[in-house]
Amino acid sequence: MLLREHGIKVTTTRLLVLKALLDRHRPTSPQELLESIPDEGLDQVTVYRTLTTLVESKLAQPVSTTDGSRRFEVHVCEGCRVDHPHLQCRRCGELDCLEEGILPPPIIPTRLGGYLIDEAKLYLFGTCPACQTAEKSNRGASTSTR
């Protein structure tokens, strides 16, 4: 059991939040977690506390977004890379993982400019497929009304 392996006491809430994160397999906001487990009577404070516990035990990782919010992810399946890049849509904010390794892992120095480097993250920004489709539809609708 993952919780026990990371030294976390097993509770129903922790199991529900962990399962929701594993099922989504992408950076997920606390609100998305609440919406994905609606019938369990969880509130926002409980979900945040649970996420804090999962992060402190290194089972979950926080992921920052362009709007300053945080999402959370758990990558424990075989072949998953914890240090993978993220793709974020500039229009809708959708955030996805790029685990396929199409990019070579960057070589990050341990010291740079007097800093001791302990973490590096790569984010790629663009427009997600859904926003691209919506944009094409909007362009098509505006040209047909001329």
N, C-alpha and C. Protein backbone atom coordinates (compact mmCIF):
# COMPACT_ATOMS: atom_id res chain seq x y z
N MET A 1 0.85 -1.18 0.00
CA MET A 1 0.00 0.00 0.00
C MET A 1 0.89 1.24 0.00
N LEU A 2 0.62 2.17 -0.90
CA LEU A 2 1.45 3.37 -1.06
C LEU A 2 1.52 4.24 0.18
N LEU A 3 0.40 4.43 0.85
CA LEU A 3 0.41 5.28 2.03
C LEU A 3 1.35 4.72 3.09
N ARG A 4 1.23 3.44 3.37
CA ARG A 4 2.09 2.82 4.39
C ARG A 4 3.56 2.88 3.98
N GLU A 5 3.84 2.66 2.69
CA GLU A 5 5.22 2.71 2.20
C GLU A 5 5.86 4.07 2.43
N HIS A 6 5.04 5.11 2.45
CA HIS A 6 5.54 6.48 2.66
C HIS A 6 5.36 6.95 4.10
N GLY A 7 5.02 6.01 4.99
CA GLY A 7 4.91 6.32 6.40
C GLY A 7 3.68 7.13 6.77
N ILE A 8 2.62 7.02 5.98
CA ILE A 8 1.40 7.78 6.22
C ILE A 8 0.33 6.85 6.77
N LYS A 9 -0.33 7.29 7.82
CA LYS A 9 -1.44 6.52 8.38
C LYS A 9 -2.57 6.44 7.34
N VAL A 10 -3.12 5.26 7.19
CA VAL A 10 -4.18 5.04 6.21
C VAL A 10 -5.52 5.49 6.79
N THR A 11 -6.17 6.44 6.08
CA THR A 11 -7.51 6.88 6.44
C THR A 11 -8.36 6.86 5.18
N THR A 12 -9.65 6.88 5.34
CA THR A 12 -10.56 6.89 4.20
C THR A 12 -10.32 8.12 3.33
N THR A 13 -10.17 9.27 3.95
CA THR A 13 -9.95 10.51 3.20
C THR A 13 -8.66 10.43 2.38
N ARG A 14 -7.60 9.98 2.98
CA ARG A 14 -6.32 9.87 2.27
C ARG A 14 -6.42 8.88 1.11
N LEU A 15 -7.11 7.78 1.33
CA LEU A 15 -7.32 6.82 0.26
C LEU A 15 -8.11 7.43 -0.89
N LEU A 16 -9.17 8.17 -0.58
CA LEU A 16 -10.00 8.79 -1.62
C LEU A 16 -9.21 9.82 -2.43
N VAL A 17 -8.47 10.68 -1.75
CA VAL A 17 -7.70 11.71 -2.44
C VAL A 17 -6.59 11.08 -3.27
N LEU A 18 -5.88 10.12 -2.71
CA LEU A 18 -4.81 9.44 -3.45
C LEU A 18 -5.36 8.73 -4.68
N LYS A 19 -6.48 8.02 -4.51
CA LYS A 19 -7.08 7.32 -5.65
C LYS A 19 -7.50 8.30 -6.74
N ALA A 20 -8.08 9.43 -6.35
CA ALA A 20 -8.48 10.44 -7.33
C ALA A 20 -7.27 10.99 -8.09
N LEU A 21 -6.17 11.24 -7.39
CA LEU A 21 -4.96 11.72 -8.05
C LEU A 21 -4.39 10.67 -9.00
N LEU A 22 -4.37 9.43 -8.55
CA LEU A 22 -3.86 8.34 -9.40
C LEU A 22 -4.74 8.14 -10.63
N ASP A 23 -6.05 8.20 -10.44
CA ASP A 23 -6.98 8.01 -11.56
C ASP A 23 -6.82 9.10 -12.61
N ARG A 24 -6.63 10.33 -12.17
CA ARG A 24 -6.51 11.46 -13.11
C ARG A 24 -5.15 11.45 -13.82
N HIS A 25 -4.11 11.04 -13.13
CA HIS A 25 -2.75 10.91 -13.68
C HIS A 25 -2.30 12.18 -14.41
N ARG A 26 -2.63 13.31 -13.81
CA ARG A 26 -2.18 14.60 -14.33
C ARG A 26 -2.33 15.62 -13.21
N PRO A 27 -1.71 16.77 -13.32
CA PRO A 27 -1.84 17.77 -12.27
C PRO A 27 -3.31 18.15 -12.04
N THR A 28 -3.75 18.08 -10.79
CA THR A 28 -5.16 18.25 -10.45
C THR A 28 -5.29 19.27 -9.33
N SER A 29 -6.27 20.16 -9.47
CA SER A 29 -6.50 21.17 -8.44
C SER A 29 -7.31 20.57 -7.29
N PRO A 30 -7.23 21.17 -6.11
CA PRO A 30 -8.06 20.70 -5.00
C PRO A 30 -9.56 20.73 -5.35
N GLN A 31 -9.98 21.74 -6.11
CA GLN A 31 -11.39 21.83 -6.50
C GLN A 31 -11.77 20.66 -7.42
N GLU A 32 -10.91 20.30 -8.35
CA GLU A 32 -11.17 19.16 -9.22
C GLU A 32 -11.27 17.87 -8.40
N LEU A 33 -10.44 17.77 -7.37
CA LEU A 33 -10.50 16.59 -6.50
C LEU A 33 -11.85 16.52 -5.79
N LEU A 34 -12.29 17.65 -5.26
CA LEU A 34 -13.59 17.69 -4.58
C LEU A 34 -14.72 17.29 -5.52
N GLU A 35 -14.65 17.77 -6.75
CA GLU A 35 -15.68 17.45 -7.74
C GLU A 35 -15.64 15.98 -8.16
N SER A 36 -14.47 15.37 -8.12
CA SER A 36 -14.35 13.98 -8.56
C SER A 36 -14.77 12.98 -7.47
N ILE A 37 -14.86 13.43 -6.22
CA ILE A 37 -15.32 12.56 -5.12
C ILE A 37 -16.43 13.27 -4.34
N PRO A 38 -17.54 13.62 -5.02
CA PRO A 38 -18.55 14.49 -4.41
C PRO A 38 -19.38 13.84 -3.32
N ASP A 39 -19.59 12.56 -3.37
CA ASP A 39 -20.52 11.90 -2.44
C ASP A 39 -19.87 11.49 -1.12
N GLU A 40 -18.65 11.91 -0.89
CA GLU A 40 -17.94 11.48 0.31
C GLU A 40 -17.98 12.51 1.44
N GLY A 41 -18.60 13.66 1.21
CA GLY A 41 -18.73 14.66 2.26
C GLY A 41 -17.43 15.36 2.63
N LEU A 42 -16.47 15.39 1.72
CA LEU A 42 -15.21 16.07 2.00
C LEU A 42 -15.37 17.57 1.79
N ASP A 43 -14.65 18.35 2.59
CA ASP A 43 -14.65 19.79 2.37
C ASP A 43 -13.27 20.22 1.90
N GLN A 44 -13.16 21.48 1.48
CA GLN A 44 -11.93 22.00 0.91
C GLN A 44 -10.76 21.94 1.91
N VAL A 45 -11.01 22.25 3.16
CA VAL A 45 -9.95 22.23 4.17
C VAL A 45 -9.38 20.82 4.33
N THR A 46 -10.25 19.83 4.36
CA THR A 46 -9.81 18.44 4.51
C THR A 46 -8.96 18.01 3.32
N VAL A 47 -9.38 18.39 2.12
CA VAL A 47 -8.62 18.04 0.92
C VAL A 47 -7.25 18.72 0.95
N TYR A 48 -7.20 20.00 1.31
CA TYR A 48 -5.90 20.70 1.40
C TYR A 48 -4.99 20.05 2.44
N ARG A 49 -5.53 19.71 3.59
CA ARG A 49 -4.72 19.07 4.63
C ARG A 49 -4.18 17.72 4.14
N THR A 50 -5.02 16.98 3.45
CA THR A 50 -4.61 15.68 2.92
C THR A 50 -3.51 15.86 1.88
N LEU A 51 -3.68 16.85 1.00
CA LEU A 51 -2.64 17.12 -0.01
C LEU A 51 -1.33 17.52 0.64
N THR A 52 -1.40 18.33 1.69
CA THR A 52 -0.19 18.73 2.42
C THR A 52 0.52 17.51 2.98
N THR A 53 -0.23 16.59 3.55
CA THR A 53 0.35 15.36 4.09
C THR A 53 1.02 14.55 2.98
N LEU A 54 0.35 14.42 1.83
CA LEU A 54 0.90 13.64 0.72
C LEU A 54 2.17 14.29 0.16
N VAL A 55 2.20 15.61 0.11
CA VAL A 55 3.39 16.33 -0.39
C VAL A 55 4.53 16.21 0.61
N GLU A 56 4.25 16.41 1.89
CA GLU A 56 5.30 16.34 2.91
C GLU A 56 5.95 14.96 2.96
N SER A 57 5.19 13.93 2.62
CA SER A 57 5.74 12.57 2.62
C SER A 57 6.37 12.21 1.28
N LYS A 58 6.38 13.16 0.35
CA LYS A 58 6.97 12.98 -0.99
C LYS A 58 6.20 11.98 -1.86
N LEU A 59 4.95 11.71 -1.51
CA LEU A 59 4.12 10.85 -2.34
C LEU A 59 3.49 11.65 -3.47
N ALA A 60 3.11 12.89 -3.19
CA ALA A 60 2.54 13.79 -4.21
C ALA A 60 3.50 14.94 -4.44
N GLN A 61 3.39 15.54 -5.62
CA GLN A 61 4.21 16.69 -5.96
C GLN A 61 3.30 17.86 -6.31
N PRO A 62 3.62 19.07 -5.80
CA PRO A 62 2.87 20.25 -6.22
C PRO A 62 3.38 20.73 -7.58
N VAL A 63 2.48 21.27 -8.38
CA VAL A 63 2.84 21.81 -9.68
C VAL A 63 2.27 23.22 -9.75
N SER A 64 3.13 24.20 -9.97
CA SER A 64 2.67 25.59 -10.08
C SER A 64 2.10 25.83 -11.46
N THR A 65 1.19 26.80 -11.55
CA THR A 65 0.59 27.15 -12.83
C THR A 65 0.84 28.63 -13.13
N THR A 66 0.53 29.03 -14.35
CA THR A 66 0.78 30.42 -14.75
C THR A 66 -0.08 31.40 -13.97
N ASP A 67 -1.23 30.96 -13.46
CA ASP A 67 -2.10 31.87 -12.71
C ASP A 67 -1.75 31.91 -11.22
N GLY A 68 -0.67 31.24 -10.84
CA GLY A 68 -0.22 31.27 -9.45
C GLY A 68 -0.86 30.22 -8.56
N SER A 69 -1.76 29.43 -9.09
CA SER A 69 -2.37 28.38 -8.28
C SER A 69 -1.48 27.14 -8.30
N ARG A 70 -1.86 26.17 -7.49
CA ARG A 70 -1.10 24.92 -7.45
C ARG A 70 -2.02 23.76 -7.74
N ARG A 71 -1.48 22.82 -8.46
CA ARG A 71 -2.15 21.55 -8.69
C ARG A 71 -1.23 20.48 -8.13
N PHE A 72 -1.75 19.28 -8.04
CA PHE A 72 -0.99 18.21 -7.41
C PHE A 72 -1.05 16.97 -8.29
N GLU A 73 0.03 16.19 -8.23
CA GLU A 73 0.10 14.97 -9.02
C GLU A 73 0.83 13.89 -8.24
N VAL A 74 0.52 12.66 -8.60
CA VAL A 74 1.18 11.49 -8.03
C VAL A 74 1.61 10.63 -9.21
N HIS A 75 2.89 10.33 -9.28
CA HIS A 75 3.41 9.49 -10.35
C HIS A 75 4.20 8.35 -9.74
N VAL A 76 3.56 7.21 -9.61
CA VAL A 76 4.22 6.05 -9.01
C VAL A 76 4.15 4.82 -9.91
N CYS A 77 3.50 4.96 -11.07
CA CYS A 77 3.40 3.79 -11.94
C CYS A 77 4.73 3.53 -12.64
N GLU A 78 4.91 2.33 -13.11
CA GLU A 78 6.15 1.95 -13.75
C GLU A 78 6.37 2.81 -14.99
N GLY A 79 7.56 3.36 -15.13
CA GLY A 79 7.89 4.18 -16.28
C GLY A 79 7.58 5.66 -16.10
N CYS A 80 6.86 6.01 -15.05
CA CYS A 80 6.55 7.43 -14.80
C CYS A 80 7.80 8.14 -14.31
N ARG A 81 7.96 9.35 -14.77
CA ARG A 81 9.07 10.19 -14.33
C ARG A 81 8.51 11.30 -13.46
N VAL A 82 9.01 11.44 -12.27
CA VAL A 82 8.58 12.52 -11.39
C VAL A 82 9.06 13.86 -11.92
N ASP A 83 10.21 13.87 -12.58
CA ASP A 83 10.83 15.12 -13.04
C ASP A 83 10.46 15.48 -14.47
N HIS A 84 9.28 15.11 -14.92
CA HIS A 84 8.87 15.35 -16.30
C HIS A 84 8.47 16.81 -16.54
N PRO A 85 8.55 17.26 -17.79
CA PRO A 85 8.07 18.61 -18.13
C PRO A 85 6.54 18.66 -18.12
N HIS A 86 6.00 19.87 -18.07
CA HIS A 86 4.55 20.08 -18.11
C HIS A 86 4.19 20.98 -19.30
N LEU A 87 3.02 20.73 -19.86
CA LEU A 87 2.48 21.53 -20.95
C LEU A 87 1.31 22.32 -20.39
N GLN A 88 1.29 23.65 -20.62
CA GLN A 88 0.16 24.44 -20.13
C GLN A 88 -0.39 25.31 -21.24
N CYS A 89 -1.73 25.29 -21.36
CA CYS A 89 -2.41 26.09 -22.36
C CYS A 89 -2.52 27.53 -21.86
N ARG A 90 -2.10 28.46 -22.69
CA ARG A 90 -2.16 29.87 -22.32
C ARG A 90 -3.59 30.41 -22.33
N ARG A 91 -4.50 29.74 -23.01
CA ARG A 91 -5.88 30.24 -23.10
C ARG A 91 -6.74 29.74 -21.95
N CYS A 92 -6.80 28.44 -21.74
CA CYS A 92 -7.72 27.89 -20.73
C CYS A 92 -7.02 27.45 -19.45
N GLY A 93 -5.69 27.37 -19.46
CA GLY A 93 -4.96 26.97 -18.27
C GLY A 93 -4.80 25.47 -18.10
N GLU A 94 -5.31 24.67 -19.04
CA GLU A 94 -5.16 23.21 -18.96
C GLU A 94 -3.69 22.87 -18.76
N LEU A 95 -3.42 21.93 -17.87
CA LEU A 95 -2.05 21.55 -17.53
C LEU A 95 -1.92 20.05 -17.67
N ASP A 96 -0.98 19.61 -18.50
CA ASP A 96 -0.78 18.19 -18.74
C ASP A 96 0.68 17.82 -18.54
N CYS A 97 0.91 16.54 -18.33
CA CYS A 97 2.27 16.02 -18.15
C CYS A 97 2.84 15.57 -19.48
N LEU A 98 4.11 15.75 -19.64
CA LEU A 98 4.82 15.25 -20.80
C LEU A 98 5.82 14.22 -20.28
N GLU A 99 5.34 12.99 -20.17
CA GLU A 99 6.17 11.93 -19.60
C GLU A 99 6.84 11.07 -20.65
N GLU A 100 6.44 11.24 -21.90
CA GLU A 100 6.93 10.35 -22.94
C GLU A 100 8.42 10.46 -23.18
N GLY A 101 9.02 11.53 -22.69
CA GLY A 101 10.47 11.67 -22.83
C GLY A 101 10.90 12.06 -24.22
N ILE A 102 10.04 12.79 -24.96
CA ILE A 102 10.46 13.20 -26.30
C ILE A 102 11.57 14.24 -26.24
N LEU A 103 11.69 14.87 -25.09
CA LEU A 103 12.79 15.80 -24.90
C LEU A 103 13.88 15.11 -24.10
N PRO A 104 15.13 15.32 -24.46
CA PRO A 104 16.18 14.74 -23.60
C PRO A 104 16.16 15.46 -22.26
N PRO A 105 16.39 14.72 -21.18
CA PRO A 105 16.41 15.40 -19.88
C PRO A 105 17.51 16.45 -19.87
N PRO A 106 17.18 17.67 -19.42
CA PRO A 106 18.22 18.70 -19.41
C PRO A 106 19.29 18.40 -18.38
N ILE A 107 20.48 18.84 -18.66
CA ILE A 107 21.58 18.69 -17.71
C ILE A 107 21.55 19.94 -16.83
N ILE A 108 21.25 19.73 -15.57
CA ILE A 108 21.14 20.83 -14.62
C ILE A 108 22.37 20.80 -13.71
N PRO A 109 23.09 21.90 -13.65
CA PRO A 109 24.26 21.92 -12.75
C PRO A 109 23.80 21.93 -11.30
N THR A 110 24.64 21.43 -10.43
CA THR A 110 24.32 21.44 -9.00
C THR A 110 24.61 22.80 -8.37
N ARG A 111 25.47 23.56 -9.01
CA ARG A 111 25.77 24.93 -8.55
C ARG A 111 25.79 25.83 -9.78
N LEU A 112 25.22 27.01 -9.60
CA LEU A 112 25.18 27.95 -10.72
C LEU A 112 25.04 29.36 -10.17
N GLY A 113 25.93 30.27 -10.55
CA GLY A 113 25.84 31.66 -10.12
C GLY A 113 25.83 31.83 -8.61
N GLY A 114 26.52 30.95 -7.90
CA GLY A 114 26.55 31.03 -6.45
C GLY A 114 25.40 30.29 -5.78
N TYR A 115 24.44 29.83 -6.56
CA TYR A 115 23.29 29.09 -6.01
C TYR A 115 23.61 27.60 -5.92
N LEU A 116 23.10 26.96 -4.90
CA LEU A 116 23.11 25.51 -4.81
C LEU A 116 21.76 25.06 -5.37
N ILE A 117 21.75 24.40 -6.50
CA ILE A 117 20.51 24.02 -7.19
C ILE A 117 19.96 22.74 -6.58
N ASP A 118 18.70 22.79 -6.14
CA ASP A 118 18.07 21.59 -5.57
C ASP A 118 16.81 21.17 -6.33
N GLU A 119 16.41 21.96 -7.33
CA GLU A 119 15.22 21.61 -8.08
C GLU A 119 15.22 22.37 -9.40
N ALA A 120 14.73 21.72 -10.45
CA ALA A 120 14.57 22.37 -11.75
C ALA A 120 13.28 21.85 -12.37
N LYS A 121 12.51 22.75 -12.98
CA LYS A 121 11.25 22.36 -13.61
C LYS A 121 11.20 22.96 -15.00
N LEU A 122 10.60 22.22 -15.91
CA LEU A 122 10.45 22.69 -17.28
C LEU A 122 8.97 22.77 -17.61
N TYR A 123 8.53 23.95 -18.07
CA TYR A 123 7.16 24.15 -18.50
C TYR A 123 7.18 24.57 -19.96
N LEU A 124 6.30 23.99 -20.74
CA LEU A 124 6.13 24.36 -22.14
C LEU A 124 4.74 24.99 -22.27
N PHE A 125 4.65 26.14 -22.92
CA PHE A 125 3.39 26.87 -23.03
C PHE A 125 2.93 26.91 -24.47
N GLY A 126 1.64 26.83 -24.66
CA GLY A 126 1.07 26.88 -25.99
C GLY A 126 -0.45 26.88 -25.91
N THR A 127 -1.09 26.33 -26.93
CA THR A 127 -2.54 26.26 -26.99
C THR A 127 -2.95 24.80 -27.07
N CYS A 128 -3.81 24.36 -26.16
CA CYS A 128 -4.23 22.96 -26.11
C CYS A 128 -5.12 22.61 -27.30
N PRO A 129 -5.30 21.32 -27.60
CA PRO A 129 -6.13 20.91 -28.74
C PRO A 129 -7.57 21.45 -28.67
N ALA A 130 -8.17 21.47 -27.49
CA ALA A 130 -9.56 21.96 -27.37
C ALA A 130 -9.65 23.44 -27.73
N CYS A 131 -8.70 24.24 -27.26
CA CYS A 131 -8.71 25.67 -27.57
C CYS A 131 -8.40 25.91 -29.05
N GLN A 132 -7.55 25.08 -29.64
CA GLN A 132 -7.27 25.21 -31.07
C GLN A 132 -8.52 24.94 -31.89
N THR A 133 -9.26 23.90 -31.50
CA THR A 133 -10.51 23.56 -32.19
C THR A 133 -11.53 24.68 -32.05
N ALA A 134 -11.66 25.22 -30.84
CA ALA A 134 -12.60 26.31 -30.60
C ALA A 134 -12.21 27.54 -31.42
N GLU A 135 -10.91 27.81 -31.50
CA GLU A 135 -10.43 28.96 -32.27
C GLU A 135 -10.76 28.79 -33.74
N LYS A 136 -10.57 27.58 -34.28
CA LYS A 136 -10.88 27.31 -35.69
C LYS A 136 -12.38 27.46 -35.93
N SER A 137 -13.19 26.97 -34.99
CA SER A 137 -14.65 27.09 -35.13
C SER A 137 -15.08 28.55 -35.13
N ASN A 138 -14.48 29.33 -34.23
CA ASN A 138 -14.80 30.76 -34.16
C ASN A 138 -14.40 31.48 -35.45
N ARG A 139 -13.25 31.13 -36.00
CA ARG A 139 -12.81 31.75 -37.26
C ARG A 139 -13.74 31.37 -38.38
N GLY A 140 -14.16 30.09 -38.40
CA GLY A 140 -15.07 29.62 -39.44
C GLY A 140 -16.43 30.31 -39.34
N ALA A 141 -16.91 30.52 -38.15
CA ALA A 141 -18.20 31.17 -37.95
C ALA A 141 -18.14 32.64 -38.35
N SER A 142 -17.00 33.30 -38.08
CA SER A 142 -16.91 34.72 -38.41
C SER A 142 -16.74 34.94 -39.91
N THR A 143 -16.10 34.00 -40.62
CA THR A 143 -15.94 34.17 -42.07
C THR A 143 -17.23 33.82 -42.81
N SER A 144 -18.07 32.95 -42.23
CA SER A 144 -19.32 32.59 -42.91
C SER A 144 -20.40 33.65 -42.76
N THR A 145 -20.21 34.58 -41.83
CA THR A 145 -21.21 35.63 -41.63
C THR A 145 -20.85 36.89 -42.41
N ARG A 146 -19.79 36.84 -43.17
CA ARG A 146 -19.39 38.04 -43.93
C ARG A 146 -20.13 38.13 -45.23
